Amino acid sequence: MTFIWLGVLLVLGGVLQMAYQPIWRGRLSGRRRLRAGQPGDTLEPERPAGGFGFKSNWPGLTLVALGGASLLAGAAI
């Protein structure tokens, strides 16, 4: 049962790590809004999906892989 809980924690930690990277890495808008409705003020990043690469997500992918291996080991025992 210990392997299963360890696997669950590793998978959840890996997913949170991968979600954290693109959300908090870049700025969401070019400048602060002075008044509502200004054209050009959006919350979209300049480079869409800039944080969804293997190079930036390898720690999270590693945690998910280790968690999956731990879940399989717990199921086999």
C-alpha atoms as a PDB file:
ATOM      1  CA  MET A   1       0.000   0.000   0.000  1.00  0.00           C
ATOM      2  CA  THR A   2       2.964   2.290   0.618  1.00  0.00           C
ATOM      3  CA  PHE A   3       4.021   2.080  -3.042  1.00  0.00           C
ATOM      4  CA  ILE A   4       0.541   3.058  -4.173  1.00  0.00           C
ATOM      5  CA  TRP A   5       0.391   6.166  -1.955  1.00  0.00           C
ATOM      6  CA  LEU A   6       3.933   7.112  -2.947  1.00  0.00           C
ATOM      7  CA  GLY A   7       2.944   6.747  -6.611  1.00  0.00           C
ATOM      8  CA  VAL A   8      -0.149   8.896  -6.137  1.00  0.00           C
ATOM      9  CA  LEU A   9       1.890  11.640  -4.469  1.00  0.00           C
ATOM     10  CA  LEU A  10       4.559  11.539  -7.174  1.00  0.00           C
ATOM     11  CA  VAL A  11       2.012  11.691 -10.005  1.00  0.00           C
ATOM     12  CA  LEU A  12       0.125  14.584  -8.404  1.00  0.00           C
ATOM     13  CA  GLY A  13       3.376  16.408  -7.674  1.00  0.00           C
ATOM     14  CA  GLY A  14       4.488  15.961 -11.280  1.00  0.00           C
ATOM     15  CA  VAL A  15       1.197  17.249 -12.675  1.00  0.00           C
ATOM     16  CA  LEU A  16       1.324  20.269 -10.370  1.00  0.00           C
ATOM     17  CA  GLN A  17       4.948  20.921 -11.372  1.00  0.00           C
ATOM     18  CA  MET A  18       4.030  20.844 -15.070  1.00  0.00           C
ATOM     19  CA  ALA A  19       1.020  23.125 -14.528  1.00  0.00           C
ATOM     20  CA  TYR A  20       3.027  25.579 -12.441  1.00  0.00           C
ATOM     21  CA  GLN A  21       5.662  26.214 -15.126  1.00  0.00           C
ATOM     22  CA  PRO A  22       3.599  27.888 -17.876  1.00  0.00           C
ATOM     23  CA  ILE A  23       1.277  29.706 -15.480  1.00  0.00           C
ATOM     24  CA  TRP A  24       3.905  31.541 -13.431  1.00  0.00           C
ATOM     25  CA  ARG A  25       6.787  31.833 -15.908  1.00  0.00           C
ATOM     26  CA  GLY A  26       5.763  34.666 -18.216  1.00  0.00           C
ATOM     27  CA  ARG A  27       3.829  37.868 -17.941  1.00  0.00           C
ATOM     28  CA  LEU A  28       0.188  37.799 -18.906  1.00  0.00           C
ATOM     29  CA  SER A  29      -0.160  41.258 -20.421  1.00  0.00           C
ATOM     30  CA  GLY A  30       2.052  43.902 -21.933  1.00  0.00           C
ATOM     31  CA  ARG A  31       1.210  46.759 -19.598  1.00  0.00           C
ATOM     32  CA  ARG A  32      -1.217  47.625 -16.858  1.00  0.00           C
ATOM     33  CA  ARG A  33      -4.721  48.668 -17.790  1.00  0.00           C
ATOM     34  CA  LEU A  34      -5.454  52.288 -17.086  1.00  0.00           C
ATOM     35  CA  ARG A  35      -9.144  52.124 -17.964  1.00  0.00           C
ATOM     36  CA  ALA A  36     -11.514  49.363 -18.948  1.00  0.00           C
ATOM     37  CA  GLY A  37     -11.889  48.577 -22.627  1.00  0.00           C
ATOM     38  CA  GLN A  38      -8.505  49.731 -23.889  1.00  0.00           C
ATOM     39  CA  PRO A  39      -7.635  47.985 -27.143  1.00  0.00           C
ATOM     40  CA  GLY A  40      -4.591  45.755 -27.008  1.00  0.00           C
ATOM     41  CA  ASP A  41      -4.823  44.983 -23.316  1.00  0.00           C
ATOM     42  CA  THR A  42      -5.345  41.252 -23.101  1.00  0.00           C
ATOM     43  CA  LEU A  43      -4.245  38.540 -20.737  1.00  0.00           C
ATOM     44  CA  GLU A  44      -2.903  36.432 -23.590  1.00  0.00           C
ATOM     45  CA  PRO A  45       0.857  35.869 -23.641  1.00  0.00           C
ATOM     46  CA  GLU A  46       2.876  36.942 -26.673  1.00  0.00           C
ATOM     47  CA  ARG A  47       4.115  33.393 -27.210  1.00  0.00           C
ATOM     48  CA  PRO A  48       1.150  31.031 -26.798  1.00  0.00           C
ATOM     49  CA  ALA A  49       2.065  27.672 -25.243  1.00  0.00           C
ATOM     50  CA  GLY A  50       5.604  28.856 -24.566  1.00  0.00           C
ATOM     51  CA  GLY A  51       5.928  26.739 -21.428  1.00  0.00           C
ATOM     52  CA  PHE A  52       4.715  23.427 -22.823  1.00  0.00           C
ATOM     53  CA  GLY A  53       8.001  21.987 -24.044  1.00  0.00           C
ATOM     54  CA  PHE A  54       9.932  18.936 -22.921  1.00  0.00           C
ATOM     55  CA  LYS A  55      12.891  21.096 -21.940  1.00  0.00           C
ATOM     56  CA  SER A  56      10.916  23.047 -19.349  1.00  0.00           C
ATOM     57  CA  ASN A  57       8.745  20.159 -18.109  1.00  0.00           C
ATOM     58  CA  TRP A  58      11.270  17.360 -17.629  1.00  0.00           C
ATOM     59  CA  PRO A  59      11.139  17.463 -13.791  1.00  0.00           C
ATOM     60  CA  GLY A  60       7.357  17.053 -13.821  1.00  0.00           C
ATOM     61  CA  LEU A  61       7.489  14.317 -16.453  1.00  0.00           C
ATOM     62  CA  THR A  62      10.117  12.502 -14.381  1.00  0.00           C
ATOM     63  CA  LEU A  63       7.913  12.665 -11.287  1.00  0.00           C
ATOM     64  CA  VAL A  64       4.926  11.337 -13.245  1.00  0.00           C
ATOM     65  CA  ALA A  65       7.032   8.485 -14.656  1.00  0.00           C
ATOM     66  CA  LEU A  66       8.392   7.556 -11.214  1.00  0.00           C
ATOM     67  CA  GLY A  67       4.881   7.735  -9.785  1.00  0.00           C
ATOM     68  CA  GLY A  68       3.566   5.466 -12.552  1.00  0.00           C
ATOM     69  CA  ALA A  69       6.346   2.962 -11.885  1.00  0.00           C
ATOM     70  CA  SER A  70       5.564   3.043  -8.188  1.00  0.00           C
ATOM     71  CA  LEU A  71       1.862   2.482  -8.879  1.00  0.00           C
ATOM     72  CA  LEU A  72       2.677  -0.498 -11.087  1.00  0.00           C
ATOM     73  CA  ALA A  73       5.017  -1.912  -8.447  1.00  0.00           C
ATOM     74  CA  GLY A  74       2.314  -1.498  -5.801  1.00  0.00           C
ATOM     75  CA  ALA A  75      -0.249  -3.240  -8.010  1.00  0.00           C
ATOM     76  CA  ALA A  76       2.126  -6.144  -8.705  1.00  0.00           C
ATOM     77  CA  ILE A  77       2.799  -6.832  -5.024  1.00  0.00           C
END
